[in-house]
Amino acid sequence: MFGVLYPLAITAVAQILFRDKANGQIIERNGKIVGSKIVGQNFNAAGYFHSRHSYAGTGYDATSSGGSNYAPTNKLLIDRVRGDVGKMRNENPGQAIPVGLVTASGSGLDPELSPAAAEFQVPRVAKERNTSETEIRSVVQKFTRNRQFGILGEPGVNVLELNLELDRTHPVAVK
């Protein structure tokens, strides 16, 4: 009974009441699956908002979720963070670099950035998409999720949804 009926009942309830969540919150565009709201993806191109680092498998591998487990004094971690900080200083000289852009999430699958990490990337994305920073900020604001009930969790910006919206409204400029 508990090995078959209970799981079937819970699955049925989830499919009826929470269909989107029970099925992984899949995002489709033009009939094609492009990702999930709850699993991060790697975006490297200059015209896209970049996600947090991932140590899950070869990066964002949902079957191999996990962090690096490097100690703060580990040379590999220190070298990677220094390299990232150097790149970001070149991208936005004189700007404070949000910690979320140089650290990885514990699961390696974090689909969101902090609003500060998104804001840091606005000038680069606006330049690559040949549009104003104000336009890009308005799209970021549209996809910024506030704290649940005003007190739980931290605000966040879903990177996949944000980049898909930018592709729709402000396509990457052809150079």
N, C-alpha and C. Protein backbone atom coordinates (compact mmCIF):
# COMPACT_ATOMS: atom_id res chain seq x y z
N MET A 1 0.82 -1.19 0.00
CA MET A 1 0.00 0.00 0.00
C MET A 1 0.87 1.27 0.00
N PHE A 2 1.85 1.35 0.93
CA PHE A 2 2.68 2.55 1.01
C PHE A 2 3.76 2.60 -0.07
N GLY A 3 4.04 1.48 -0.69
CA GLY A 3 5.04 1.45 -1.75
C GLY A 3 4.48 1.77 -3.12
N VAL A 4 3.15 1.65 -3.30
CA VAL A 4 2.54 1.88 -4.61
C VAL A 4 1.42 2.91 -4.53
N LEU A 5 0.44 2.67 -3.70
CA LEU A 5 -0.74 3.55 -3.67
C LEU A 5 -0.42 4.96 -3.18
N TYR A 6 0.34 5.06 -2.11
CA TYR A 6 0.67 6.38 -1.57
C TYR A 6 1.44 7.22 -2.61
N PRO A 7 2.53 6.70 -3.22
CA PRO A 7 3.23 7.49 -4.24
C PRO A 7 2.33 7.87 -5.42
N LEU A 8 1.47 6.96 -5.85
CA LEU A 8 0.55 7.28 -6.95
C LEU A 8 -0.42 8.39 -6.55
N ALA A 9 -0.93 8.33 -5.32
CA ALA A 9 -1.86 9.36 -4.84
C ALA A 9 -1.17 10.72 -4.77
N ILE A 10 0.02 10.76 -4.21
CA ILE A 10 0.75 12.03 -4.10
C ILE A 10 1.09 12.58 -5.49
N THR A 11 1.49 11.71 -6.40
CA THR A 11 1.78 12.14 -7.78
C THR A 11 0.53 12.71 -8.43
N ALA A 12 -0.60 12.08 -8.24
CA ALA A 12 -1.86 12.56 -8.81
C ALA A 12 -2.23 13.93 -8.25
N VAL A 13 -2.10 14.09 -6.93
CA VAL A 13 -2.41 15.38 -6.29
C VAL A 13 -1.48 16.46 -6.84
N ALA A 14 -0.19 16.16 -6.96
CA ALA A 14 0.77 17.13 -7.48
C ALA A 14 0.44 17.52 -8.92
N GLN A 15 0.07 16.55 -9.74
CA GLN A 15 -0.27 16.83 -11.14
C GLN A 15 -1.53 17.67 -11.26
N ILE A 16 -2.46 17.48 -10.35
CA ILE A 16 -3.72 18.24 -10.40
C ILE A 16 -3.54 19.65 -9.83
N LEU A 17 -2.90 19.76 -8.68
CA LEU A 17 -2.80 21.06 -7.99
C LEU A 17 -1.58 21.89 -8.38
N PHE A 18 -0.48 21.24 -8.70
CA PHE A 18 0.78 21.95 -8.94
C PHE A 18 1.46 21.43 -10.21
N ARG A 19 0.73 21.35 -11.30
CA ARG A 19 1.24 20.72 -12.52
C ARG A 19 2.57 21.30 -12.99
N ASP A 20 2.70 22.62 -13.05
CA ASP A 20 3.93 23.24 -13.52
C ASP A 20 5.11 22.87 -12.62
N LYS A 21 4.93 22.98 -11.33
CA LYS A 21 6.02 22.66 -10.40
C LYS A 21 6.34 21.18 -10.39
N ALA A 22 5.33 20.33 -10.46
CA ALA A 22 5.56 18.89 -10.45
C ALA A 22 6.32 18.42 -11.68
N ASN A 23 6.25 19.17 -12.75
CA ASN A 23 6.90 18.79 -14.00
C ASN A 23 8.19 19.55 -14.28
N GLY A 24 8.75 20.20 -13.26
CA GLY A 24 10.05 20.84 -13.40
C GLY A 24 10.06 22.27 -13.87
N GLN A 25 8.91 22.92 -13.96
CA GLN A 25 8.81 24.31 -14.37
C GLN A 25 9.56 24.56 -15.69
N ILE A 26 9.26 23.73 -16.67
CA ILE A 26 9.91 23.77 -17.98
C ILE A 26 9.50 25.03 -18.75
N ILE A 27 10.46 25.63 -19.43
CA ILE A 27 10.21 26.80 -20.27
C ILE A 27 10.36 26.38 -21.73
N GLU A 28 9.32 26.65 -22.51
CA GLU A 28 9.34 26.34 -23.95
C GLU A 28 9.26 27.64 -24.75
N ARG A 29 9.92 27.65 -25.89
CA ARG A 29 9.82 28.74 -26.85
C ARG A 29 9.66 28.12 -28.23
N ASN A 30 8.62 28.51 -28.93
CA ASN A 30 8.35 28.00 -30.27
C ASN A 30 8.29 26.48 -30.30
N GLY A 31 7.67 25.90 -29.27
CA GLY A 31 7.50 24.46 -29.21
C GLY A 31 8.74 23.68 -28.83
N LYS A 32 9.81 24.36 -28.46
CA LYS A 32 11.07 23.71 -28.11
C LYS A 32 11.40 24.01 -26.64
N ILE A 33 11.80 22.98 -25.90
CA ILE A 33 12.20 23.18 -24.51
C ILE A 33 13.55 23.88 -24.49
N VAL A 34 13.62 25.01 -23.76
CA VAL A 34 14.86 25.77 -23.67
C VAL A 34 15.48 25.72 -22.28
N GLY A 35 14.76 25.20 -21.31
CA GLY A 35 15.31 25.11 -19.96
C GLY A 35 14.23 25.00 -18.91
N SER A 36 14.63 25.23 -17.69
CA SER A 36 13.75 25.18 -16.54
C SER A 36 13.94 26.44 -15.71
N LYS A 37 12.86 26.90 -15.10
CA LYS A 37 12.95 28.07 -14.22
C LYS A 37 13.82 27.81 -13.01
N ILE A 38 13.97 26.53 -12.65
CA ILE A 38 14.62 26.21 -11.38
C ILE A 38 16.01 25.58 -11.53
N VAL A 39 16.54 25.51 -12.75
CA VAL A 39 17.88 24.97 -12.96
C VAL A 39 18.67 25.99 -13.79
N GLY A 40 19.79 26.43 -13.26
CA GLY A 40 20.61 27.42 -13.95
C GLY A 40 21.22 26.90 -15.23
N GLN A 41 21.64 27.82 -16.08
CA GLN A 41 22.32 27.50 -17.33
C GLN A 41 23.52 28.41 -17.48
N ASN A 42 24.45 27.99 -18.31
CA ASN A 42 25.64 28.78 -18.56
C ASN A 42 25.41 29.70 -19.75
N PHE A 43 25.62 30.98 -19.55
CA PHE A 43 25.54 31.98 -20.62
C PHE A 43 26.89 32.69 -20.67
N ASN A 44 27.61 32.54 -21.78
CA ASN A 44 28.95 33.13 -21.90
C ASN A 44 29.02 34.33 -22.82
N ALA A 45 28.13 34.42 -23.80
CA ALA A 45 28.20 35.49 -24.80
C ALA A 45 28.03 36.85 -24.12
N ALA A 46 28.71 37.84 -24.66
CA ALA A 46 28.71 39.17 -24.06
C ALA A 46 27.33 39.82 -24.00
N GLY A 47 26.44 39.48 -24.91
CA GLY A 47 25.11 40.09 -24.94
C GLY A 47 24.12 39.46 -23.97
N TYR A 48 24.58 38.55 -23.14
CA TYR A 48 23.70 37.87 -22.20
C TYR A 48 24.13 38.12 -20.76
N PHE A 49 23.17 38.09 -19.86
CA PHE A 49 23.49 38.12 -18.45
C PHE A 49 24.12 36.78 -18.10
N HIS A 50 25.23 36.81 -17.40
CA HIS A 50 25.94 35.59 -17.03
C HIS A 50 25.43 35.08 -15.69
N SER A 51 25.33 33.80 -15.57
CA SER A 51 24.87 33.15 -14.33
C SER A 51 26.03 33.04 -13.34
N ARG A 52 25.69 32.60 -12.13
CA ARG A 52 26.73 32.30 -11.14
C ARG A 52 27.52 31.09 -11.60
N HIS A 53 28.70 30.92 -11.05
CA HIS A 53 29.53 29.76 -11.36
C HIS A 53 28.85 28.48 -10.92
N SER A 54 29.17 27.41 -11.62
CA SER A 54 28.63 26.09 -11.27
C SER A 54 29.75 25.07 -11.26
N TYR A 55 29.77 24.28 -10.19
CA TYR A 55 30.69 23.15 -10.10
C TYR A 55 29.93 21.84 -10.22
N ALA A 56 28.68 21.89 -10.66
CA ALA A 56 27.87 20.67 -10.80
C ALA A 56 28.30 19.93 -12.06
N GLY A 57 28.97 18.82 -11.90
CA GLY A 57 29.46 18.07 -13.05
C GLY A 57 30.38 18.93 -13.89
N THR A 58 30.07 19.07 -15.17
CA THR A 58 30.85 19.95 -16.04
C THR A 58 30.24 21.34 -16.08
N GLY A 59 29.33 21.63 -15.15
CA GLY A 59 28.68 22.93 -15.06
C GLY A 59 27.20 22.82 -15.36
N TYR A 60 26.38 23.15 -14.38
CA TYR A 60 24.92 23.15 -14.50
C TYR A 60 24.37 21.78 -14.86
N ASP A 61 25.02 20.72 -14.42
CA ASP A 61 24.59 19.35 -14.68
C ASP A 61 23.67 18.92 -13.54
N ALA A 62 22.38 18.86 -13.83
CA ALA A 62 21.39 18.55 -12.78
C ALA A 62 21.55 17.14 -12.23
N THR A 63 22.23 16.26 -12.94
CA THR A 63 22.44 14.90 -12.43
C THR A 63 23.66 14.83 -11.52
N SER A 64 24.38 15.93 -11.40
CA SER A 64 25.60 15.95 -10.59
C SER A 64 25.66 17.22 -9.76
N SER A 65 24.59 17.54 -9.09
CA SER A 65 24.49 18.76 -8.31
C SER A 65 25.51 18.76 -7.18
N GLY A 66 26.13 19.90 -6.96
CA GLY A 66 27.05 20.03 -5.84
C GLY A 66 28.02 21.17 -6.06
N GLY A 67 28.69 21.53 -4.99
CA GLY A 67 29.68 22.59 -5.04
C GLY A 67 31.07 22.01 -5.21
N SER A 68 32.08 22.87 -5.18
CA SER A 68 33.46 22.43 -5.35
C SER A 68 34.02 21.88 -4.05
N ASN A 69 33.50 22.34 -2.93
CA ASN A 69 34.00 22.00 -1.60
C ASN A 69 35.43 22.46 -1.38
N TYR A 70 35.88 23.45 -2.18
CA TYR A 70 37.20 24.03 -1.97
C TYR A 70 37.17 24.89 -0.71
N ALA A 71 38.22 24.78 0.07
CA ALA A 71 38.36 25.64 1.25
C ALA A 71 38.67 27.06 0.77
N PRO A 72 38.37 28.06 1.59
CA PRO A 72 38.67 29.44 1.18
C PRO A 72 40.15 29.68 0.89
N THR A 73 41.02 28.83 1.39
CA THR A 73 42.45 28.99 1.16
C THR A 73 42.97 28.15 0.00
N ASN A 74 42.09 27.43 -0.70
CA ASN A 74 42.50 26.57 -1.80
C ASN A 74 43.00 27.41 -2.97
N LYS A 75 44.19 27.08 -3.47
CA LYS A 75 44.81 27.85 -4.55
C LYS A 75 43.95 27.88 -5.82
N LEU A 76 43.29 26.76 -6.17
CA LEU A 76 42.44 26.74 -7.36
C LEU A 76 41.29 27.73 -7.24
N LEU A 77 40.66 27.77 -6.07
CA LEU A 77 39.56 28.72 -5.85
C LEU A 77 40.07 30.15 -5.86
N ILE A 78 41.16 30.40 -5.19
CA ILE A 78 41.72 31.76 -5.14
C ILE A 78 42.08 32.24 -6.54
N ASP A 79 42.73 31.39 -7.33
CA ASP A 79 43.11 31.77 -8.70
C ASP A 79 41.88 32.04 -9.57
N ARG A 80 40.84 31.20 -9.45
CA ARG A 80 39.63 31.42 -10.25
C ARG A 80 38.97 32.73 -9.87
N VAL A 81 38.84 32.99 -8.58
CA VAL A 81 38.19 34.22 -8.14
C VAL A 81 39.01 35.44 -8.57
N ARG A 82 40.32 35.38 -8.43
CA ARG A 82 41.17 36.50 -8.87
C ARG A 82 40.99 36.77 -10.37
N GLY A 83 40.97 35.69 -11.16
CA GLY A 83 40.77 35.85 -12.60
C GLY A 83 39.42 36.47 -12.92
N ASP A 84 38.38 36.02 -12.22
CA ASP A 84 37.04 36.58 -12.45
C ASP A 84 36.98 38.04 -12.05
N VAL A 85 37.59 38.37 -10.92
CA VAL A 85 37.59 39.76 -10.46
C VAL A 85 38.32 40.63 -11.49
N GLY A 86 39.43 40.14 -12.03
CA GLY A 86 40.17 40.90 -13.05
C GLY A 86 39.32 41.16 -14.28
N LYS A 87 38.61 40.14 -14.76
CA LYS A 87 37.73 40.30 -15.93
C LYS A 87 36.64 41.32 -15.65
N MET A 88 36.06 41.24 -14.46
CA MET A 88 34.95 42.14 -14.13
C MET A 88 35.41 43.56 -13.91
N ARG A 89 36.63 43.73 -13.42
CA ARG A 89 37.17 45.10 -13.29
C ARG A 89 37.36 45.72 -14.66
N ASN A 90 37.75 44.90 -15.65
CA ASN A 90 37.88 45.40 -17.02
C ASN A 90 36.51 45.74 -17.60
N GLU A 91 35.50 44.94 -17.24
CA GLU A 91 34.14 45.15 -17.75
C GLU A 91 33.52 46.43 -17.20
N ASN A 92 33.69 46.68 -15.91
CA ASN A 92 33.12 47.86 -15.25
C ASN A 92 34.15 48.47 -14.30
N PRO A 93 35.12 49.19 -14.83
CA PRO A 93 36.17 49.77 -13.97
C PRO A 93 35.57 50.66 -12.88
N GLY A 94 36.11 50.50 -11.68
CA GLY A 94 35.70 51.35 -10.57
C GLY A 94 34.41 50.93 -9.88
N GLN A 95 33.72 49.92 -10.39
CA GLN A 95 32.46 49.47 -9.78
C GLN A 95 32.73 48.35 -8.79
N ALA A 96 31.96 48.34 -7.71
CA ALA A 96 32.06 47.25 -6.74
C ALA A 96 31.51 45.98 -7.40
N ILE A 97 32.21 44.88 -7.23
CA ILE A 97 31.82 43.61 -7.86
C ILE A 97 30.96 42.83 -6.86
N PRO A 98 29.72 42.53 -7.22
CA PRO A 98 28.86 41.76 -6.32
C PRO A 98 29.44 40.37 -6.07
N VAL A 99 29.41 39.93 -4.84
CA VAL A 99 30.02 38.66 -4.46
C VAL A 99 29.40 37.48 -5.21
N GLY A 100 28.12 37.56 -5.57
CA GLY A 100 27.45 36.48 -6.28
C GLY A 100 28.01 36.21 -7.67
N LEU A 101 28.78 37.15 -8.21
CA LEU A 101 29.37 36.94 -9.54
C LEU A 101 30.71 36.21 -9.48
N VAL A 102 31.28 36.09 -8.29
CA VAL A 102 32.58 35.40 -8.18
C VAL A 102 32.50 34.17 -7.28
N THR A 103 31.32 33.88 -6.75
CA THR A 103 31.13 32.69 -5.94
C THR A 103 30.15 31.75 -6.64
N ALA A 104 30.20 30.49 -6.28
CA ALA A 104 29.27 29.50 -6.85
C ALA A 104 28.22 29.17 -5.80
N SER A 105 27.07 28.73 -6.27
CA SER A 105 26.04 28.31 -5.33
C SER A 105 26.38 26.92 -4.79
N GLY A 106 25.80 26.56 -3.67
CA GLY A 106 26.06 25.26 -3.07
C GLY A 106 25.63 24.10 -3.95
N SER A 107 24.55 24.27 -4.69
CA SER A 107 24.06 23.19 -5.55
C SER A 107 24.72 23.21 -6.92
N GLY A 108 25.22 24.37 -7.33
CA GLY A 108 25.75 24.52 -8.67
C GLY A 108 24.67 24.71 -9.72
N LEU A 109 23.42 24.82 -9.27
CA LEU A 109 22.29 24.90 -10.20
C LEU A 109 21.45 26.16 -10.00
N ASP A 110 21.98 27.14 -9.29
CA ASP A 110 21.23 28.34 -8.97
C ASP A 110 20.79 29.07 -10.24
N PRO A 111 19.47 29.22 -10.45
CA PRO A 111 18.98 29.87 -11.67
C PRO A 111 18.92 31.39 -11.57
N GLU A 112 19.23 31.93 -10.40
CA GLU A 112 19.04 33.37 -10.19
C GLU A 112 20.33 34.08 -9.83
N LEU A 113 20.31 35.39 -10.12
CA LEU A 113 21.33 36.33 -9.69
C LEU A 113 20.70 37.28 -8.68
N SER A 114 21.52 37.90 -7.88
CA SER A 114 21.01 38.98 -7.04
C SER A 114 20.74 40.18 -7.94
N PRO A 115 19.85 41.08 -7.53
CA PRO A 115 19.64 42.30 -8.32
C PRO A 115 20.94 43.08 -8.52
N ALA A 116 21.83 43.09 -7.52
CA ALA A 116 23.11 43.80 -7.65
C ALA A 116 23.98 43.15 -8.73
N ALA A 117 23.99 41.82 -8.81
CA ALA A 117 24.78 41.13 -9.83
C ALA A 117 24.22 41.39 -11.22
N ALA A 118 22.91 41.48 -11.33
CA ALA A 118 22.30 41.82 -12.63
C ALA A 118 22.63 43.26 -13.00
N GLU A 119 22.51 44.16 -12.05
CA GLU A 119 22.80 45.59 -12.30
C GLU A 119 24.24 45.77 -12.77
N PHE A 120 25.16 45.04 -12.20
CA PHE A 120 26.57 45.14 -12.58
C PHE A 120 26.76 44.82 -14.06
N GLN A 121 25.97 43.92 -14.59
CA GLN A 121 26.12 43.46 -15.97
C GLN A 121 25.36 44.32 -17.00
N VAL A 122 24.51 45.22 -16.53
CA VAL A 122 23.68 46.02 -17.43
C VAL A 122 24.49 46.77 -18.50
N PRO A 123 25.58 47.48 -18.15
CA PRO A 123 26.31 48.23 -19.20
C PRO A 123 26.82 47.33 -20.33
N ARG A 124 27.37 46.17 -20.00
CA ARG A 124 27.89 45.27 -21.03
C ARG A 124 26.77 44.75 -21.92
N VAL A 125 25.67 44.33 -21.31
CA VAL A 125 24.55 43.78 -22.07
C VAL A 125 23.94 44.86 -22.97
N ALA A 126 23.77 46.07 -22.44
CA ALA A 126 23.19 47.17 -23.23
C ALA A 126 24.08 47.49 -24.44
N LYS A 127 25.38 47.53 -24.22
CA LYS A 127 26.30 47.82 -25.31
C LYS A 127 26.23 46.74 -26.39
N GLU A 128 26.24 45.48 -25.99
CA GLU A 128 26.21 44.37 -26.95
C GLU A 128 24.87 44.28 -27.69
N ARG A 129 23.81 44.73 -27.04
CA ARG A 129 22.49 44.67 -27.67
C ARG A 129 22.12 46.01 -28.34
N ASN A 130 23.07 46.93 -28.34
CA ASN A 130 22.90 48.22 -29.01
C ASN A 130 21.63 48.93 -28.56
N THR A 131 21.47 49.01 -27.23
CA THR A 131 20.32 49.69 -26.67
C THR A 131 20.76 50.43 -25.41
N SER A 132 19.87 51.18 -24.81
CA SER A 132 20.23 51.97 -23.64
C SER A 132 20.24 51.12 -22.37
N GLU A 133 21.04 51.56 -21.42
CA GLU A 133 21.06 50.89 -20.12
C GLU A 133 19.70 50.99 -19.44
N THR A 134 18.99 52.08 -19.68
CA THR A 134 17.66 52.25 -19.09
C THR A 134 16.70 51.17 -19.60
N GLU A 135 16.76 50.87 -20.90
CA GLU A 135 15.91 49.82 -21.46
C GLU A 135 16.22 48.46 -20.83
N ILE A 136 17.51 48.15 -20.70
CA ILE A 136 17.91 46.87 -20.12
C ILE A 136 17.50 46.81 -18.65
N ARG A 137 17.69 47.91 -17.92
CA ARG A 137 17.28 47.93 -16.50
C ARG A 137 15.78 47.70 -16.34
N SER A 138 14.98 48.21 -17.25
CA SER A 138 13.53 48.00 -17.14
C SER A 138 13.18 46.53 -17.31
N VAL A 139 13.89 45.82 -18.19
CA VAL A 139 13.66 44.39 -18.35
C VAL A 139 14.12 43.64 -17.11
N VAL A 140 15.27 44.03 -16.56
CA VAL A 140 15.76 43.40 -15.33
C VAL A 140 14.73 43.59 -14.22
N GLN A 141 14.21 44.79 -14.09
CA GLN A 141 13.22 45.07 -13.04
C GLN A 141 11.98 44.20 -13.21
N LYS A 142 11.56 44.01 -14.45
CA LYS A 142 10.38 43.19 -14.73
C LYS A 142 10.58 41.75 -14.25
N PHE A 143 11.83 41.26 -14.30
CA PHE A 143 12.10 39.88 -13.92
C PHE A 143 12.74 39.75 -12.53
N THR A 144 12.70 40.82 -11.75
CA THR A 144 13.21 40.75 -10.38
C THR A 144 12.10 40.26 -9.47
N ARG A 145 12.41 39.17 -8.77
CA ARG A 145 11.47 38.57 -7.82
C ARG A 145 11.81 39.10 -6.43
N ASN A 146 10.80 39.63 -5.73
CA ASN A 146 11.02 40.16 -4.39
C ASN A 146 10.95 39.04 -3.36
N ARG A 147 11.21 39.39 -2.11
CA ARG A 147 11.12 38.42 -1.02
C ARG A 147 9.69 37.90 -0.92
N GLN A 148 9.55 36.61 -0.64
CA GLN A 148 8.22 36.04 -0.48
C GLN A 148 7.60 36.60 0.80
N PHE A 149 6.38 37.07 0.71
CA PHE A 149 5.65 37.70 1.82
C PHE A 149 6.40 38.91 2.39
N GLY A 150 7.35 39.44 1.63
CA GLY A 150 8.10 40.61 2.05
C GLY A 150 9.20 40.34 3.05
N ILE A 151 9.35 39.09 3.51
CA ILE A 151 10.36 38.80 4.53
C ILE A 151 11.20 37.53 4.26
N LEU A 152 10.68 36.61 3.46
CA LEU A 152 11.36 35.32 3.28
C LEU A 152 12.26 35.32 2.05
N GLY A 153 13.49 34.85 2.22
CA GLY A 153 14.42 34.73 1.11
C GLY A 153 15.02 36.07 0.71
N GLU A 154 15.72 36.04 -0.37
CA GLU A 154 16.36 37.23 -0.92
C GLU A 154 15.79 37.53 -2.30
N PRO A 155 15.78 38.79 -2.70
CA PRO A 155 15.34 39.12 -4.07
C PRO A 155 16.25 38.43 -5.08
N GLY A 156 15.71 38.11 -6.24
CA GLY A 156 16.51 37.45 -7.27
C GLY A 156 15.99 37.75 -8.66
N VAL A 157 16.85 37.49 -9.64
CA VAL A 157 16.52 37.69 -11.05
C VAL A 157 16.81 36.37 -11.76
N ASN A 158 15.79 35.77 -12.37
CA ASN A 158 15.97 34.51 -13.08
C ASN A 158 16.70 34.78 -14.39
N VAL A 159 17.89 34.23 -14.53
CA VAL A 159 18.76 34.54 -15.66
C VAL A 159 18.20 34.02 -16.99
N LEU A 160 17.67 32.81 -17.00
CA LEU A 160 17.12 32.26 -18.24
C LEU A 160 15.93 33.09 -18.73
N GLU A 161 14.99 33.37 -17.85
CA GLU A 161 13.82 34.16 -18.25
C GLU A 161 14.24 35.55 -18.72
N LEU A 162 15.19 36.16 -18.03
CA LEU A 162 15.68 37.49 -18.40
C LEU A 162 16.32 37.46 -19.79
N ASN A 163 17.20 36.51 -20.04
CA ASN A 163 17.86 36.44 -21.34
C ASN A 163 16.89 36.11 -22.48
N LEU A 164 15.91 35.27 -22.21
CA LEU A 164 14.90 34.98 -23.24
C LEU A 164 14.09 36.22 -23.58
N GLU A 165 13.73 36.98 -22.56
CA GLU A 165 12.97 38.22 -22.81
C GLU A 165 13.82 39.22 -23.59
N LEU A 166 15.10 39.32 -23.27
CA LEU A 166 15.97 40.23 -24.02
C LEU A 166 16.12 39.80 -25.47
N ASP A 167 16.19 38.49 -25.70
CA ASP A 167 16.25 38.01 -27.09
C ASP A 167 14.98 38.39 -27.85
N ARG A 168 13.86 38.39 -27.15
CA ARG A 168 12.59 38.71 -27.78
C ARG A 168 12.46 40.21 -28.04
N THR A 169 12.84 41.02 -27.06
CA THR A 169 12.59 42.47 -27.15
C THR A 169 13.78 43.29 -27.62
N HIS A 170 14.99 42.82 -27.37
CA HIS A 170 16.21 43.56 -27.73
C HIS A 170 17.25 42.56 -28.26
N PRO A 171 17.05 42.04 -29.48
CA PRO A 171 17.97 41.02 -30.00
C PRO A 171 19.43 41.50 -29.99
N VAL A 172 20.34 40.55 -29.87
CA VAL A 172 21.76 40.87 -29.87
C VAL A 172 22.10 41.52 -31.20
N ALA A 173 22.83 42.64 -31.14
CA ALA A 173 23.21 43.39 -32.34
C ALA A 173 24.22 42.57 -33.15
N VAL A 174 24.04 42.57 -34.46
CA VAL A 174 24.96 41.88 -35.36
C VAL A 174 26.12 42.84 -35.64
N LYS A 175 27.33 42.34 -35.43
CA LYS A 175 28.49 43.22 -35.64
C LYS A 175 29.23 42.85 -36.89
